[in-house]
Amino acid sequence: MRQVVFGALLGACVWPWAVGAGPFDGLYRPNYDWALAWDCESVGQDGGALAIDDTTLTAVENSCTLSDPVDVRDMAAVLYDATCTGDGGASAGRIMLMAHDFGLYVIRDGFVLDWISCEAG
């Protein structure tokens, strides 16, 4: 009986990763006063949600494929290579995603964005 319960608990813990869920998957909006009216439904639209789904980061009229994840030691953060496309054309670079209590920081060379989870507010 204990083996069955342990196996079920282990399966429940591992299952999200087995289907490709990433550690930052979810819907977000900018965590700034100017974005209080943004909705959490219109993904990728101006005034809508920002999303991370496995290896895809979707922002306003821009999408990035995240690859080659590297855990940042002693931090709740992962550094990715990013290949992005959108209205401004194509670009490549590094993006670090770092979790905080209510969402995450999106860090690129030269700037940091604060995204709040749609579940948090």
N, C-alpha and C. Protein backbone atom coordinates (compact mmCIF):
# COMPACT_ATOMS: atom_id res chain seq x y z
N MET A 1 0.83 -1.20 0.00
CA MET A 1 0.00 0.00 0.00
C MET A 1 0.87 1.25 0.00
N ARG A 2 1.91 1.28 0.84
CA ARG A 2 2.78 2.45 0.90
C ARG A 2 3.44 2.70 -0.45
N GLN A 3 3.82 1.63 -1.15
CA GLN A 3 4.46 1.79 -2.45
C GLN A 3 3.50 2.41 -3.45
N VAL A 4 2.24 2.02 -3.40
CA VAL A 4 1.25 2.58 -4.31
C VAL A 4 1.05 4.06 -4.03
N VAL A 5 0.92 4.44 -2.76
CA VAL A 5 0.73 5.84 -2.39
C VAL A 5 1.97 6.65 -2.78
N PHE A 6 3.17 6.12 -2.47
CA PHE A 6 4.40 6.82 -2.82
C PHE A 6 4.50 7.00 -4.33
N GLY A 7 4.17 5.95 -5.08
CA GLY A 7 4.22 6.04 -6.55
C GLY A 7 3.24 7.07 -7.08
N ALA A 8 2.05 7.13 -6.51
CA ALA A 8 1.06 8.12 -6.94
C ALA A 8 1.53 9.54 -6.63
N LEU A 9 2.11 9.74 -5.44
CA LEU A 9 2.62 11.07 -5.09
C LEU A 9 3.78 11.46 -5.99
N LEU A 10 4.68 10.54 -6.25
CA LEU A 10 5.81 10.82 -7.13
C LEU A 10 5.32 11.15 -8.53
N GLY A 11 4.36 10.40 -9.02
CA GLY A 11 3.79 10.68 -10.34
C GLY A 11 3.14 12.04 -10.40
N ALA A 12 2.44 12.43 -9.35
CA ALA A 12 1.79 13.74 -9.32
C ALA A 12 2.82 14.85 -9.32
N CYS A 13 3.96 14.62 -8.68
CA CYS A 13 5.01 15.64 -8.65
C CYS A 13 5.75 15.74 -9.97
N VAL A 14 5.94 14.63 -10.65
CA VAL A 14 6.71 14.61 -11.88
C VAL A 14 5.85 14.92 -13.10
N TRP A 15 4.57 14.66 -13.05
CA TRP A 15 3.69 14.77 -14.20
C TRP A 15 3.79 16.08 -14.96
N PRO A 16 3.79 17.27 -14.32
CA PRO A 16 3.85 18.49 -15.12
C PRO A 16 5.09 18.57 -16.01
N TRP A 17 6.22 18.07 -15.53
CA TRP A 17 7.42 18.12 -16.35
C TRP A 17 7.36 17.09 -17.46
N ALA A 18 6.68 16.00 -17.24
CA ALA A 18 6.61 14.95 -18.24
C ALA A 18 5.84 15.41 -19.47
N VAL A 19 4.90 16.32 -19.31
CA VAL A 19 4.15 16.81 -20.46
C VAL A 19 4.72 18.12 -21.00
N GLY A 20 5.89 18.53 -20.52
CA GLY A 20 6.57 19.69 -21.08
C GLY A 20 6.30 21.01 -20.40
N ALA A 21 5.63 21.01 -19.27
CA ALA A 21 5.37 22.27 -18.58
C ALA A 21 6.69 22.85 -18.07
N GLY A 22 6.86 24.16 -18.25
CA GLY A 22 8.06 24.82 -17.78
C GLY A 22 7.87 25.41 -16.40
N PRO A 23 8.96 25.77 -15.75
CA PRO A 23 8.87 26.28 -14.38
C PRO A 23 8.20 27.65 -14.27
N PHE A 24 8.07 28.37 -15.38
CA PHE A 24 7.48 29.71 -15.34
C PHE A 24 6.17 29.79 -16.11
N ASP A 25 5.61 28.66 -16.52
CA ASP A 25 4.39 28.66 -17.33
C ASP A 25 3.28 29.43 -16.64
N GLY A 26 2.57 30.24 -17.42
CA GLY A 26 1.43 30.98 -16.89
C GLY A 26 1.17 32.25 -17.66
N LEU A 27 0.16 32.98 -17.19
CA LEU A 27 -0.22 34.27 -17.77
C LEU A 27 0.20 35.38 -16.82
N TYR A 28 0.68 36.47 -17.39
CA TYR A 28 1.20 37.59 -16.62
C TYR A 28 0.74 38.90 -17.24
N ARG A 29 0.95 39.98 -16.50
CA ARG A 29 0.80 41.33 -17.03
C ARG A 29 1.90 42.17 -16.40
N PRO A 30 2.26 43.30 -17.02
CA PRO A 30 3.30 44.14 -16.41
C PRO A 30 2.87 44.59 -15.01
N ASN A 31 3.79 44.60 -14.08
CA ASN A 31 3.51 44.97 -12.69
C ASN A 31 3.82 46.45 -12.46
N TYR A 32 3.11 47.29 -13.19
CA TYR A 32 3.30 48.75 -13.12
C TYR A 32 1.93 49.41 -13.12
N ASP A 33 1.83 50.60 -12.54
CA ASP A 33 0.54 51.30 -12.48
C ASP A 33 -0.08 51.50 -13.85
N TRP A 34 0.74 51.77 -14.87
CA TRP A 34 0.20 52.02 -16.20
C TRP A 34 -0.43 50.77 -16.82
N ALA A 35 -0.21 49.60 -16.22
CA ALA A 35 -0.76 48.36 -16.78
C ALA A 35 -1.88 47.77 -15.93
N LEU A 36 -2.42 48.53 -14.99
CA LEU A 36 -3.48 48.00 -14.12
C LEU A 36 -4.71 47.56 -14.90
N ALA A 37 -5.00 48.20 -16.03
CA ALA A 37 -6.19 47.87 -16.80
C ALA A 37 -5.96 46.73 -17.79
N TRP A 38 -4.75 46.22 -17.88
CA TRP A 38 -4.49 45.12 -18.81
C TRP A 38 -5.30 43.90 -18.39
N ASP A 39 -5.87 43.20 -19.38
CA ASP A 39 -6.62 41.99 -19.06
C ASP A 39 -5.70 40.77 -19.12
N CYS A 40 -6.16 39.70 -18.62
CA CYS A 40 -5.36 38.47 -18.60
C CYS A 40 -5.93 37.43 -19.56
N GLU A 41 -6.58 37.90 -20.62
CA GLU A 41 -7.20 36.98 -21.57
C GLU A 41 -6.67 37.13 -22.98
N SER A 42 -6.41 38.33 -23.43
CA SER A 42 -6.00 38.59 -24.82
C SER A 42 -4.48 38.43 -24.94
N VAL A 43 -4.01 37.20 -25.03
CA VAL A 43 -2.58 36.92 -25.04
C VAL A 43 -1.92 37.53 -26.28
N GLY A 44 -0.85 38.29 -26.03
CA GLY A 44 -0.06 38.87 -27.11
C GLY A 44 -0.63 40.13 -27.72
N GLN A 45 -1.76 40.59 -27.23
CA GLN A 45 -2.39 41.81 -27.74
C GLN A 45 -2.02 42.99 -26.87
N ASP A 46 -2.05 44.18 -27.43
CA ASP A 46 -1.80 45.39 -26.66
C ASP A 46 -2.83 45.48 -25.54
N GLY A 47 -2.39 45.56 -24.31
CA GLY A 47 -3.28 45.61 -23.16
C GLY A 47 -3.75 44.25 -22.70
N GLY A 48 -3.17 43.20 -23.24
CA GLY A 48 -3.58 41.84 -22.88
C GLY A 48 -2.49 41.11 -22.12
N ALA A 49 -2.68 39.82 -22.00
CA ALA A 49 -1.78 39.00 -21.19
C ALA A 49 -0.46 38.72 -21.90
N LEU A 50 0.55 38.53 -21.09
CA LEU A 50 1.85 38.03 -21.52
C LEU A 50 1.87 36.57 -21.08
N ALA A 51 2.45 35.70 -21.87
CA ALA A 51 2.35 34.27 -21.54
C ALA A 51 3.69 33.56 -21.69
N ILE A 52 3.86 32.56 -20.86
CA ILE A 52 4.96 31.63 -21.02
C ILE A 52 4.33 30.24 -21.04
N ASP A 53 4.62 29.51 -22.10
CA ASP A 53 4.10 28.16 -22.27
C ASP A 53 5.25 27.27 -22.72
N ASP A 54 5.79 26.51 -21.80
CA ASP A 54 6.91 25.62 -22.04
C ASP A 54 8.11 26.42 -22.55
N THR A 55 8.40 26.40 -23.84
CA THR A 55 9.57 27.10 -24.37
C THR A 55 9.20 28.33 -25.19
N THR A 56 7.97 28.81 -25.07
CA THR A 56 7.53 29.98 -25.82
C THR A 56 7.13 31.10 -24.87
N LEU A 57 7.72 32.27 -25.07
CA LEU A 57 7.37 33.48 -24.33
C LEU A 57 6.64 34.39 -25.31
N THR A 58 5.40 34.76 -24.99
CA THR A 58 4.59 35.61 -25.86
C THR A 58 4.34 36.93 -25.16
N ALA A 59 4.78 38.02 -25.80
CA ALA A 59 4.56 39.37 -25.28
C ALA A 59 3.69 40.12 -26.30
N VAL A 60 3.63 41.43 -26.19
CA VAL A 60 2.80 42.22 -27.10
C VAL A 60 3.41 42.19 -28.49
N GLU A 61 2.70 41.56 -29.43
CA GLU A 61 3.11 41.46 -30.83
C GLU A 61 4.53 40.96 -30.99
N ASN A 62 4.95 40.03 -30.12
CA ASN A 62 6.30 39.51 -30.13
C ASN A 62 6.28 38.12 -29.50
N SER A 63 7.04 37.21 -30.06
CA SER A 63 7.12 35.86 -29.51
C SER A 63 8.57 35.40 -29.53
N CYS A 64 8.98 34.73 -28.46
CA CYS A 64 10.35 34.23 -28.36
C CYS A 64 10.33 32.73 -28.08
N THR A 65 11.22 32.02 -28.74
CA THR A 65 11.46 30.62 -28.43
C THR A 65 12.64 30.56 -27.48
N LEU A 66 12.43 29.92 -26.34
CA LEU A 66 13.46 29.82 -25.31
C LEU A 66 14.14 28.46 -25.42
N SER A 67 15.47 28.45 -25.43
CA SER A 67 16.20 27.19 -25.56
C SER A 67 17.43 27.19 -24.65
N ASP A 68 18.05 26.05 -24.53
CA ASP A 68 19.28 25.86 -23.76
C ASP A 68 19.19 26.44 -22.34
N PRO A 69 18.22 26.00 -21.54
CA PRO A 69 18.07 26.55 -20.19
C PRO A 69 19.25 26.20 -19.28
N VAL A 70 19.66 27.20 -18.50
CA VAL A 70 20.73 27.01 -17.52
C VAL A 70 20.22 27.53 -16.18
N ASP A 71 20.11 26.65 -15.19
CA ASP A 71 19.70 27.08 -13.85
C ASP A 71 20.76 28.01 -13.28
N VAL A 72 20.31 29.09 -12.66
CA VAL A 72 21.23 30.02 -12.01
C VAL A 72 21.39 29.56 -10.57
N ARG A 73 22.60 29.24 -10.20
CA ARG A 73 22.88 28.68 -8.88
C ARG A 73 22.41 29.60 -7.76
N ASP A 74 21.75 29.01 -6.77
CA ASP A 74 21.28 29.70 -5.56
C ASP A 74 20.25 30.80 -5.84
N MET A 75 19.58 30.73 -6.98
CA MET A 75 18.54 31.70 -7.32
C MET A 75 17.37 30.95 -7.94
N ALA A 76 16.17 31.50 -7.81
CA ALA A 76 14.99 30.93 -8.48
C ALA A 76 14.94 31.50 -9.89
N ALA A 77 15.99 31.18 -10.69
CA ALA A 77 16.14 31.79 -12.00
C ALA A 77 16.71 30.80 -13.00
N VAL A 78 16.35 31.02 -14.27
CA VAL A 78 16.87 30.22 -15.38
C VAL A 78 17.26 31.17 -16.49
N LEU A 79 18.44 30.95 -17.07
CA LEU A 79 18.94 31.74 -18.19
C LEU A 79 18.70 30.96 -19.47
N TYR A 80 18.13 31.62 -20.47
CA TYR A 80 17.80 30.98 -21.74
C TYR A 80 18.46 31.71 -22.91
N ASP A 81 18.68 30.99 -24.00
CA ASP A 81 18.93 31.62 -25.29
C ASP A 81 17.55 31.88 -25.87
N ALA A 82 17.36 33.04 -26.49
CA ALA A 82 16.05 33.40 -27.02
C ALA A 82 16.16 33.80 -28.49
N THR A 83 15.25 33.27 -29.29
CA THR A 83 15.11 33.67 -30.68
C THR A 83 13.72 34.27 -30.80
N CYS A 84 13.66 35.56 -31.13
CA CYS A 84 12.39 36.29 -31.09
C CYS A 84 12.00 36.79 -32.48
N THR A 85 10.69 36.85 -32.71
CA THR A 85 10.14 37.44 -33.93
C THR A 85 8.95 38.30 -33.54
N GLY A 86 8.71 39.33 -34.33
CA GLY A 86 7.58 40.21 -34.06
C GLY A 86 7.55 41.35 -35.04
N ASP A 87 6.78 42.38 -34.71
CA ASP A 87 6.65 43.54 -35.59
C ASP A 87 7.98 44.21 -35.88
N GLY A 88 8.91 44.16 -34.95
CA GLY A 88 10.21 44.80 -35.13
C GLY A 88 11.20 43.94 -35.89
N GLY A 89 10.80 42.77 -36.36
CA GLY A 89 11.70 41.87 -37.05
C GLY A 89 12.16 40.74 -36.14
N ALA A 90 13.26 40.11 -36.53
CA ALA A 90 13.80 38.99 -35.76
C ALA A 90 14.99 39.45 -34.94
N SER A 91 15.18 38.80 -33.79
CA SER A 91 16.34 39.10 -32.95
C SER A 91 16.69 37.86 -32.14
N ALA A 92 17.89 37.86 -31.61
CA ALA A 92 18.34 36.77 -30.76
C ALA A 92 19.10 37.36 -29.59
N GLY A 93 19.09 36.67 -28.47
CA GLY A 93 19.79 37.15 -27.29
C GLY A 93 19.58 36.22 -26.13
N ARG A 94 19.86 36.71 -24.94
CA ARG A 94 19.69 35.92 -23.73
C ARG A 94 18.56 36.54 -22.90
N ILE A 95 17.78 35.70 -22.27
CA ILE A 95 16.72 36.14 -21.36
C ILE A 95 16.84 35.31 -20.09
N MET A 96 16.83 36.00 -18.95
CA MET A 96 16.78 35.30 -17.67
C MET A 96 15.40 35.53 -17.07
N LEU A 97 14.77 34.45 -16.66
CA LEU A 97 13.50 34.53 -15.94
C LEU A 97 13.78 34.19 -14.49
N MET A 98 13.32 35.07 -13.60
CA MET A 98 13.56 34.88 -12.17
C MET A 98 12.25 35.06 -11.41
N ALA A 99 11.85 34.03 -10.70
CA ALA A 99 10.59 34.06 -9.95
C ALA A 99 10.69 34.98 -8.74
N HIS A 100 9.57 35.65 -8.44
CA HIS A 100 9.43 36.36 -7.17
C HIS A 100 8.06 36.00 -6.60
N ASP A 101 7.72 36.51 -5.44
CA ASP A 101 6.52 36.08 -4.73
C ASP A 101 5.23 36.22 -5.52
N PHE A 102 5.14 37.20 -6.42
CA PHE A 102 3.87 37.45 -7.12
C PHE A 102 3.98 37.30 -8.63
N GLY A 103 5.11 36.86 -9.14
CA GLY A 103 5.28 36.73 -10.58
C GLY A 103 6.72 36.43 -10.93
N LEU A 104 7.25 37.21 -11.88
CA LEU A 104 8.63 36.99 -12.26
C LEU A 104 9.26 38.24 -12.85
N TYR A 105 10.58 38.24 -12.85
CA TYR A 105 11.35 39.28 -13.52
C TYR A 105 11.83 38.71 -14.84
N VAL A 106 11.70 39.50 -15.89
CA VAL A 106 12.21 39.16 -17.21
C VAL A 106 13.42 40.06 -17.42
N ILE A 107 14.59 39.45 -17.47
CA ILE A 107 15.85 40.21 -17.47
C ILE A 107 16.55 40.01 -18.81
N ARG A 108 16.82 41.13 -19.47
CA ARG A 108 17.61 41.12 -20.71
C ARG A 108 18.78 42.05 -20.51
N ASP A 109 19.73 42.02 -21.40
CA ASP A 109 20.91 42.87 -21.30
C ASP A 109 20.48 44.33 -21.29
N GLY A 110 20.64 44.98 -20.15
CA GLY A 110 20.34 46.40 -20.05
C GLY A 110 19.01 46.77 -19.42
N PHE A 111 18.11 45.80 -19.20
CA PHE A 111 16.85 46.17 -18.56
C PHE A 111 16.19 44.98 -17.88
N VAL A 112 15.27 45.32 -16.96
CA VAL A 112 14.50 44.32 -16.21
C VAL A 112 13.04 44.69 -16.29
N LEU A 113 12.19 43.71 -16.58
CA LEU A 113 10.74 43.90 -16.56
C LEU A 113 10.17 43.11 -15.39
N ASP A 114 9.18 43.67 -14.73
CA ASP A 114 8.50 43.01 -13.61
C ASP A 114 7.12 42.59 -14.09
N TRP A 115 6.88 41.29 -14.15
CA TRP A 115 5.58 40.77 -14.55
C TRP A 115 4.90 40.16 -13.33
N ILE A 116 3.62 40.50 -13.13
CA ILE A 116 2.84 39.91 -12.05
C ILE A 116 1.98 38.80 -12.62
N SER A 117 1.88 37.72 -11.90
CA SER A 117 1.05 36.60 -12.34
C SER A 117 -0.41 37.02 -12.37
N CYS A 118 -1.13 36.60 -13.39
CA CYS A 118 -2.57 36.92 -13.45
C CYS A 118 -3.31 36.30 -12.27
N GLU A 119 -2.82 35.21 -11.74
CA GLU A 119 -3.43 34.59 -10.57
C GLU A 119 -3.25 35.43 -9.32
N ALA A 120 -2.16 36.22 -9.27
CA ALA A 120 -1.86 37.04 -8.09
C ALA A 120 -2.58 38.38 -8.10
N GLY A 121 -3.02 38.80 -9.24
CA GLY A 121 -3.70 40.09 -9.24
C GLY A 121 -3.61 40.75 -10.53
